[in-house]
Protein backbone atom coordinates (compact mmCIF):
# COMPACT_ATOMS: atom_id res chain seq x y z
CA MET A 1 -11.25 4.81 26.34
CA ASN A 2 -8.55 2.13 26.20
CA TYR A 3 -5.56 4.34 25.36
CA GLU A 4 -3.13 1.41 25.43
CA LEU A 5 -5.06 -0.23 22.61
CA LEU A 6 -5.34 3.09 20.75
CA VAL A 7 -1.56 3.59 20.84
CA GLU A 8 -1.09 0.00 19.72
CA SER A 9 -3.34 0.60 16.70
CA TRP A 10 -1.42 3.75 15.79
CA CYS A 11 1.84 1.80 16.02
CA GLU A 12 0.41 -0.80 13.66
CA LEU A 13 -0.47 1.91 11.16
CA GLY A 14 2.94 3.57 11.45
CA LEU A 15 4.68 0.21 11.02
CA GLY A 16 2.57 -0.44 7.93
CA LEU A 17 3.84 2.80 6.41
CA LEU A 18 7.45 2.02 7.37
CA HIS A 19 7.24 -1.52 5.99
CA SER A 20 5.91 -0.08 2.72
CA GLY A 21 8.87 2.30 2.42
CA ALA A 22 7.17 5.58 3.35
CA GLU A 23 9.32 8.59 4.23
CA ILE A 24 10.16 9.09 7.91
CA TYR A 25 8.48 12.51 8.04
CA ARG A 26 5.29 11.01 6.58
CA VAL A 27 5.13 8.36 9.31
CA GLU A 28 5.64 10.92 12.07
CA ASP A 29 3.24 13.45 10.53
CA THR A 30 0.52 10.80 10.10
CA LEU A 31 0.63 9.79 13.76
CA HIS A 32 0.68 13.42 14.91
CA ARG A 33 -2.43 14.10 12.83
CA LEU A 34 -4.19 11.12 14.40
CA ALA A 35 -3.33 12.43 17.85
CA ARG A 36 -4.76 15.86 17.01
CA ALA A 37 -7.94 14.21 15.73
CA TYR A 38 -8.35 12.64 19.21
CA HIS A 39 -7.23 15.86 20.99
CA LEU A 40 -4.24 14.08 22.55
CA GLN A 41 -0.59 14.99 23.04
CA CYS A 42 1.70 12.67 21.10
CA GLU A 43 5.44 12.20 20.64
CA VAL A 44 6.73 10.08 17.75
CA PHE A 45 10.26 8.92 16.97
CA ALA A 46 10.76 6.93 13.79
CA ILE A 47 13.81 5.57 12.01
CA PRO A 48 13.87 2.89 9.30
CA ASN A 49 14.05 0.00 11.80
CA CYS A 50 12.28 1.36 14.88
CA LEU A 51 9.10 3.21 15.84
CA ILE A 52 8.37 4.76 19.26
CA VAL A 53 4.98 6.34 20.02
CA SER A 54 4.16 8.04 23.31
CA VAL A 55 0.70 9.49 24.12
CA THR A 56 -0.47 11.47 27.14
CA ASP A 57 -4.14 10.88 28.01
CA PRO A 58 -6.48 13.55 29.52
CA GLU A 59 -5.62 12.31 33.05
CA GLY A 60 -1.89 12.88 32.50
CA ARG A 61 -0.89 9.25 32.19
CA VAL A 62 1.70 8.38 29.53
CA HIS A 63 1.22 5.39 27.24
CA THR A 64 4.26 4.33 25.21
CA ARG A 65 4.88 1.69 22.58
CA MET A 66 8.19 0.78 20.91
CA ARG A 67 8.18 -1.56 17.91
CA GLN A 68 10.90 -2.91 15.67
CA ALA A 69 10.40 -2.27 11.96
CA THR A 70 11.80 -3.90 8.85
CA VAL A 71 11.90 -2.15 5.49
CA SER A 72 12.13 -4.75 2.72
CA GLY A 73 11.46 -2.41 -0.19
CA THR A 74 8.99 0.11 -1.56
CA ASP A 75 5.32 -0.84 -1.87
CA ILE A 76 3.37 2.07 -3.36
CA GLU A 77 0.06 0.25 -3.04
CA GLY A 78 0.71 -0.20 0.69
CA ILE A 79 1.63 3.46 1.19
CA GLU A 80 -1.51 4.62 -0.60
CA ARG A 81 -3.79 2.23 1.32
CA PHE A 82 -2.43 3.22 4.74
CA ASN A 83 -2.46 6.91 3.78
CA ALA A 84 -6.12 6.64 2.75
CA LEU A 85 -6.93 4.91 6.04
CA SER A 86 -5.21 7.64 8.08
CA ARG A 87 -7.19 10.33 6.22
CA LYS A 88 -10.41 8.45 6.98
CA LEU A 89 -9.54 8.04 10.68
CA CYS A 90 -8.61 11.72 11.02
CA ALA A 91 -11.85 12.86 9.37
CA ASP A 92 -14.06 10.61 11.52
CA PRO A 93 -12.08 9.14 14.47
CA PRO A 94 -13.77 6.00 15.90
CA GLN A 95 -14.26 6.05 19.66
CA ASP A 96 -13.62 2.34 19.93
CA PRO A 97 -9.85 1.64 19.69
CA GLN A 98 -10.61 -1.97 18.81
CA GLN A 99 -12.26 -0.77 15.60
CA VAL A 100 -9.18 1.30 14.73
CA LEU A 101 -6.93 -1.73 15.21
CA TRP A 102 -9.28 -3.92 13.17
CA GLU A 103 -9.30 -1.41 10.27
CA VAL A 104 -5.50 -1.16 10.28
CA ARG A 105 -5.09 -4.94 10.17
CA GLU A 106 -7.78 -5.32 7.52
CA THR A 107 -5.99 -2.72 5.37
CA ALA A 108 -2.69 -4.60 5.72
CA ALA A 109 -4.37 -7.89 4.79
CA ASN A 110 -6.06 -6.46 1.67
CA ILE A 111 -2.99 -4.91 0.03
CA ARG A 112 -2.67 -6.33 -3.47
CA ARG A 113 0.75 -7.43 -4.70
CA TYR A 114 1.97 -8.48 -8.11
CA PRO A 115 2.83 -12.20 -8.41
CA ALA A 116 6.43 -13.24 -9.08
CA ARG A 117 5.94 -13.60 -12.84
CA TYR A 118 4.85 -9.96 -13.11
CA GLN A 119 7.86 -8.86 -11.10
CA LEU A 120 10.14 -10.79 -13.45
CA VAL A 121 8.54 -8.96 -16.37
CA GLY A 122 9.38 -5.74 -14.52
CA TYR A 123 13.03 -6.78 -14.21
CA PHE A 124 13.15 -7.57 -17.94
CA VAL A 125 11.40 -4.41 -19.16
CA GLY A 126 13.35 -2.11 -16.83
CA SER A 127 16.69 -3.61 -17.92
CA VAL A 128 15.90 -3.49 -21.65
CA PHE A 129 14.79 0.11 -21.79
CA PHE A 130 17.34 1.51 -19.36
CA SER A 131 20.05 -0.10 -21.49
CA LEU A 132 18.64 1.84 -24.46
CA PHE A 133 18.31 4.91 -22.24
CA PHE A 134 22.05 4.73 -21.50
CA SER A 135 22.81 4.65 -25.25
CA GLY A 136 22.94 0.91 -25.78
CA GLY A 137 21.89 -0.78 -29.00
CA TRP A 138 19.07 -3.28 -29.36
CA MET A 139 21.47 -6.22 -29.05
CA GLU A 140 22.79 -4.81 -25.76
CA ALA A 141 19.21 -4.19 -24.66
CA LEU A 142 18.24 -7.81 -25.30
CA VAL A 143 21.26 -9.12 -23.39
CA ALA A 144 20.53 -6.65 -20.58
CA GLY A 145 16.92 -7.86 -20.47
CA VAL A 146 17.97 -11.50 -20.07
CA SER A 147 20.57 -10.47 -17.51
CA GLY A 148 18.03 -8.43 -15.53
CA LEU A 149 15.49 -11.25 -15.73
CA LEU A 150 17.90 -13.83 -14.29
CA CYS A 151 19.10 -11.31 -11.71
CA GLY A 152 15.49 -10.76 -10.63
CA LEU A 153 14.86 -14.49 -10.46
CA CYS A 154 17.93 -14.83 -8.26
CA MET A 155 16.73 -12.00 -5.99
CA LEU A 156 13.26 -13.53 -5.60
CA LEU A 157 14.61 -16.99 -4.83
CA LEU A 158 17.18 -15.74 -2.34
CA SER A 159 14.64 -13.51 -0.59
CA ARG A 160 12.60 -16.62 0.24
CA THR A 161 15.59 -18.09 2.09
CA ARG A 162 15.68 -15.01 4.37
CA SER A 163 19.40 -14.63 3.79
CA ASN A 164 21.27 -11.37 4.34
CA PHE A 165 20.51 -8.60 1.82
CA PHE A 166 24.27 -8.11 1.26
CA ILE A 167 24.68 -11.74 0.15
CA ASN A 168 21.51 -11.56 -1.96
CA THR A 169 22.75 -8.46 -3.78
CA MET A 170 26.27 -9.80 -4.27
CA VAL A 171 25.06 -13.10 -5.75
CA SER A 172 22.54 -11.32 -7.96
CA GLY A 173 25.23 -8.91 -9.17
CA PHE A 174 27.46 -11.88 -10.00
CA VAL A 175 24.69 -13.51 -12.07
CA LEU A 176 23.90 -10.21 -13.79
CA ALA A 177 27.46 -9.54 -14.98
CA LEU A 178 28.11 -13.22 -15.76
CA VAL A 179 25.26 -13.31 -18.30
CA VAL A 180 26.52 -10.20 -20.10
CA TYR A 181 30.16 -11.28 -20.31
CA LEU A 182 29.26 -14.85 -21.26
CA ALA A 183 27.28 -13.40 -24.16
CA LEU A 184 30.36 -11.38 -25.14
CA GLY A 185 32.61 -14.43 -24.82
CA LEU A 186 30.28 -16.51 -27.01
CA GLY A 187 30.70 -14.01 -29.82
CA LEU A 188 27.72 -11.65 -29.62
CA PRO A 189 28.67 -8.18 -30.96
CA ILE A 190 27.80 -6.08 -27.92
CA ASN A 191 29.18 -3.27 -25.81
CA PRO A 192 29.26 -4.98 -22.39
CA GLY A 193 29.36 -1.66 -20.55
CA THR A 194 25.99 -0.41 -21.77
CA ALA A 195 24.42 -3.86 -21.26
CA VAL A 196 25.63 -4.01 -17.65
CA VAL A 197 24.57 -0.41 -16.97
CA GLY A 198 21.02 -1.11 -18.13
CA SER A 199 20.52 -4.31 -16.15
CA ILE A 200 22.32 -3.05 -13.06
CA MET A 201 19.64 -0.37 -12.60
CA VAL A 202 17.43 -3.04 -10.97
CA LEU A 203 20.01 -3.35 -8.18
CA VAL A 204 21.75 -0.02 -7.72
CA PRO A 205 20.85 1.96 -4.59
CA GLY A 206 20.58 5.34 -6.30
CA LEU A 207 17.11 6.00 -4.92
CA VAL A 208 18.26 5.02 -1.42
CA PHE A 209 21.25 7.35 -1.75
CA THR A 210 18.98 10.22 -2.82
CA ASN A 211 16.68 9.51 0.15
CA PHE A 212 19.74 9.74 2.41
CA MET A 213 20.46 13.25 1.16
CA SER A 214 16.79 14.16 1.53
CA ASN A 215 16.75 12.94 5.15
CA LEU A 216 19.84 14.99 5.98
CA LEU A 217 18.39 18.14 4.40
CA THR A 218 15.17 17.76 6.40
CA GLY A 219 17.09 17.20 9.67
CA ASP A 220 16.54 13.42 10.06
CA ILE A 221 20.21 12.74 10.79
CA VAL A 222 19.82 9.25 12.30
CA SER A 223 17.55 8.07 9.48
CA GLY A 224 19.85 9.63 6.90
CA LEU A 225 22.96 7.89 8.22
CA SER A 226 21.12 4.57 8.44
CA THR A 227 19.95 4.92 4.84
CA PHE A 228 23.42 5.96 3.71
CA THR A 229 24.99 2.89 5.31
CA ARG A 230 22.57 0.59 3.51
CA ALA A 231 23.24 2.34 0.19
CA VAL A 232 27.02 1.96 0.55
CA LEU A 233 26.74 -1.71 1.57
CA THR A 234 24.44 -2.40 -1.38
CA ALA A 235 26.83 -0.68 -3.80
CA GLY A 236 29.73 -2.64 -2.32
CA ALA A 237 27.88 -5.94 -2.74
CA ILE A 238 27.13 -5.10 -6.40
CA ALA A 239 30.76 -4.17 -7.04
CA LEU A 240 32.05 -7.40 -5.45
CA GLY A 241 29.58 -9.60 -7.33
CA THR A 242 30.01 -8.01 -10.75
CA GLY A 243 33.78 -7.72 -10.29
CA ALA A 244 34.08 -11.44 -9.56
CA ALA A 245 32.01 -12.32 -12.64
CA ILE A 246 34.01 -10.02 -14.92
CA SER A 247 37.32 -11.43 -13.65
CA LEU A 248 36.11 -14.98 -14.18
CA CYS A 249 34.95 -14.27 -17.75
CA HIS A 250 38.23 -12.51 -18.60
CA GLN A 251 40.03 -15.73 -17.67
CA LEU A 252 37.59 -17.91 -19.62
CA PHE A 253 37.52 -15.68 -22.72
CA PRO A 254 40.79 -13.69 -22.75
CA SER A 255 40.46 -12.74 -26.41
CA ALA A 256 36.86 -11.45 -26.25
CA VAL A 257 36.64 -7.75 -27.13
CA GLY A 258 33.42 -5.77 -26.96
CA LEU A 259 32.20 -2.98 -29.19
CA THR A 260 33.12 0.56 -28.19
CA THR A 261 30.70 2.48 -30.39
CA ILE A 262 27.43 3.66 -28.91
CA PRO A 263 24.35 4.91 -30.77
CA VAL A 264 22.96 8.38 -30.19
CA TYR A 265 19.19 8.80 -30.02
CA SER A 266 16.98 11.84 -30.41
CA PRO A 267 15.56 13.58 -27.29
CA PRO A 268 12.04 12.15 -27.86
CA GLU A 269 13.54 8.65 -28.06
CA TYR A 270 15.40 9.12 -24.77
CA CYS A 271 12.17 10.32 -23.13
CA PHE A 272 10.33 7.28 -24.52
CA TYR A 273 12.99 4.93 -23.16
CA ALA A 274 12.74 6.67 -19.78
CA PHE A 275 8.96 6.18 -19.86
CA MET A 276 9.24 2.46 -20.66
CA GLY A 277 12.07 1.89 -18.18
CA CYS A 278 9.94 3.39 -15.42
CA LEU A 279 7.13 1.01 -16.43
CA GLY A 280 9.29 -1.92 -15.36
CA PHE A 281 9.82 -0.36 -11.95
CA CYS A 282 6.09 0.17 -11.55
CA LEU A 283 5.80 -3.62 -11.44
CA LEU A 284 8.67 -3.90 -8.96
CA TYR A 285 7.31 -1.17 -6.67
CA ASN A 286 3.70 -2.37 -6.79
CA VAL A 287 2.21 0.64 -8.58
CA ARG A 288 -1.23 -0.15 -9.96
CA GLY A 289 -3.83 1.14 -12.38
CA THR A 290 -3.66 4.66 -13.76
CA GLY A 291 -0.85 5.44 -11.32
CA SER A 292 1.54 3.32 -13.43
CA PHE A 293 1.02 5.47 -16.53
CA LEU A 294 1.27 8.70 -14.50
CA CYS A 295 4.52 7.58 -12.82
CA CYS A 296 6.06 6.72 -16.19
CA LEU A 297 4.91 10.06 -17.55
CA GLY A 298 6.70 11.75 -14.66
CA GLY A 299 9.93 9.92 -15.55
CA ALA A 300 9.71 11.10 -19.16
CA LEU A 301 8.86 14.63 -17.98
CA GLY A 302 11.95 14.76 -15.76
CA TRP A 303 14.20 13.86 -18.68
CA ALA A 304 12.35 16.29 -20.95
CA VAL A 305 13.38 19.04 -18.49
CA TYR A 306 16.90 17.68 -17.99
CA LEU A 307 17.90 17.59 -21.68
CA PRO A 308 17.26 21.26 -22.64
CA VAL A 309 18.78 22.57 -19.39
CA MET A 310 21.85 20.39 -19.97
CA TRP A 311 22.10 21.63 -23.55
CA TRP A 312 21.77 25.24 -22.41
CA THR A 313 24.04 25.22 -19.35
CA GLY A 314 26.26 22.15 -19.80
CA ASN A 315 26.06 21.67 -16.02
CA VAL A 316 24.90 18.27 -14.79
CA PHE A 317 24.06 19.60 -11.31
CA LEU A 318 21.81 22.44 -12.52
CA SER A 319 20.16 20.03 -14.95
CA ASN A 320 19.33 17.55 -12.19
CA LEU A 321 18.08 20.34 -9.93
CA ALA A 322 15.76 21.68 -12.62
CA ALA A 323 14.53 18.20 -13.55
CA SER A 324 13.86 17.28 -9.91
CA VAL A 325 11.87 20.50 -9.40
CA GLY A 326 9.80 19.68 -12.46
CA VAL A 327 9.13 16.11 -11.28
CA ALA A 328 8.34 17.27 -7.73
CA ILE A 329 5.81 19.85 -8.98
CA TYR A 330 4.22 17.19 -11.18
CA ALA A 331 4.06 14.77 -8.22
CA GLU A 332 2.43 17.35 -5.93
CA ILE A 333 -0.20 18.14 -8.57
CA MET A 334 -0.98 14.46 -9.15
CA ALA A 335 -1.08 13.81 -5.40
CA ARG A 336 -3.76 16.44 -4.89
CA LEU A 337 -5.77 15.42 -7.92
CA ARG A 338 -5.79 11.74 -6.92
CA LYS A 339 -5.74 12.18 -3.10
CA CYS A 340 -2.62 10.09 -2.54
CA PRO A 341 0.96 10.72 -1.29
CA SER A 342 3.38 12.46 -3.64
CA ILE A 343 5.90 9.65 -3.04
CA SER A 344 3.68 7.47 -5.23
CA TYR A 345 4.97 9.46 -8.20
CA LEU A 346 8.39 10.54 -6.99
CA VAL A 347 9.79 7.06 -6.36
CA VAL A 348 9.42 5.81 -9.93
CA SER A 349 9.62 9.15 -11.77
CA TYR A 350 13.07 9.86 -10.33
CA PHE A 351 14.68 6.70 -11.70
CA PRO A 352 16.05 8.28 -14.90
CA LEU A 353 17.72 10.94 -12.70
CA VAL A 354 19.05 9.09 -9.66
CA PRO A 355 22.83 8.50 -9.68
CA GLY A 356 22.58 4.78 -9.01
CA PHE A 357 25.27 3.76 -11.45
CA THR A 358 27.73 6.34 -10.16
CA VAL A 359 27.28 4.94 -6.63
CA TYR A 360 28.29 1.54 -7.98
CA GLN A 361 31.19 3.08 -9.93
CA ALA A 362 32.53 4.85 -6.84
CA VAL A 363 32.62 1.67 -4.76
CA ASP A 364 34.08 -0.28 -7.70
CA TYR A 365 36.92 2.24 -8.01
CA ALA A 366 37.53 1.98 -4.25
CA ILE A 367 37.75 -1.83 -4.42
CA ARG A 368 40.23 -1.59 -7.31
CA GLY A 369 42.32 0.99 -5.46
CA GLU A 370 41.79 3.85 -7.94
CA SER A 371 41.59 6.57 -5.31
CA GLN A 372 41.40 9.58 -7.63
CA LEU A 373 38.54 8.18 -9.71
CA PHE A 374 36.80 7.07 -6.51
CA LEU A 375 36.87 10.58 -5.03
CA GLU A 376 35.76 12.23 -8.28
CA THR A 377 32.86 9.83 -8.75
CA LEU A 378 31.83 10.05 -5.09
CA ILE A 379 31.75 13.85 -5.18
CA ARG A 380 29.73 13.74 -8.38
CA THR A 381 27.29 11.29 -6.79
CA PHE A 382 26.87 13.47 -3.69
CA GLY A 383 26.32 16.50 -5.88
CA ILE A 384 23.66 14.90 -8.08
CA SER A 385 21.86 13.35 -5.09
CA GLY A 386 21.96 16.65 -3.24
CA CYS A 387 20.50 18.53 -6.23
CA ILE A 388 17.66 16.02 -6.61
CA ALA A 389 16.92 16.11 -2.87
CA LEU A 390 17.13 19.92 -2.81
CA GLY A 391 14.72 20.26 -5.72
CA THR A 392 12.22 17.99 -3.97
CA LEU A 393 12.65 19.83 -0.68
CA LEU A 394 12.10 23.25 -2.26
CA VAL A 395 8.82 22.17 -3.83
CA SER A 396 7.53 20.25 -0.79
CA THR A 397 8.43 23.14 1.55
CA ALA A 398 6.62 25.64 -0.66
CA VAL A 399 3.54 23.40 -0.77
CA ARG A 400 3.54 22.94 3.03
CA MET A 401 3.88 26.68 3.62
CA TYR A 402 0.97 27.32 1.27
CA CYS A 403 -1.21 24.68 2.94
CA SER A 404 -0.33 25.95 6.44
CA ARG A 405 -1.19 29.52 5.47
CA LYS A 406 -4.43 28.32 3.95
CA GLU A 407 -5.38 26.54 7.19
CA VAL A 408 -4.57 29.63 9.29
CA LEU A 409 -6.70 31.90 7.08
CA ARG A 410 -9.59 29.45 6.99
CA PRO A 411 -12.46 30.74 9.21
């Protein structure tokens, strides 16, 4: 057997998972399972921008591949396709490595992706309903939708120029805040804060920040620090861009004053807004078919758990922990019913919970020199992210222990 070609095909599969935004442990576990299917010893080291695979063949020779990876975002369709391929290869491993490589490349070529117009719809829908979710009115929601739409258009156009993600995010943040404060300056009766909060959800790195905490809790220190750095840089770019736009509009419209009142909705309305907001992110994260509805249902479920726990305890950390446990259990059940990774449901379902806006607030306070508010917001962000990551870890660990025990007891 050509082990060099076999290792190369495994690297291609691992890179496909990394490029699609799969968790580090999933990439490493997938390649270890493939090695066991071929009765080979395998060592895997993966971080967000690098993959190293080393295999020892039956004659004792070591075959190693190191490949650079780039993670441009989260592609749920890609994760599910590569996960299905790995399950197929483990169940019936081909003896011809060329066939393995061909199947990996064919899978990568056949991944469906939403066209740009669908993604722009996702930016609009996500911004509208998350503005309502954060207690904005319908006027704020409409302004947030237009703001998110233009922000998304800016992101898509800049991504084609292959410019730095920091510059892309900063320019997009500038456009986002400029639209909201221009609407205020032109006389629209809106609360600019709730409009910005809703539309900024399409940019904030709350999910990345939560993944950083999850990586640290599972022992992936290098991956966690790398993810944390990207989250902080993204939040800084948003703060710089939106801050510049707000300062400019204050000079252009010094007498413009926004509304300070915010509407209060019923718990079912908040859950509905969470559901619809997640629908926008299904388009952005390439979730397809029935999975879109199930992901949105998970987002509403998480908030349905959060609200009563918050009412009962008054503790935001316990509420997020309970909600994340509920979402994680739901994701594990759906993953086993539909034979796909749990991340397919976790990524979108967690959006109503992730502390994305507080990450932005913390960096904004730091830029403005408000040290006390910066520290308070940063600690709050760490606490919420840690609770969400801990809830996920508790459920996933329990499921793994159960599956491992089941395999041991199987005759």
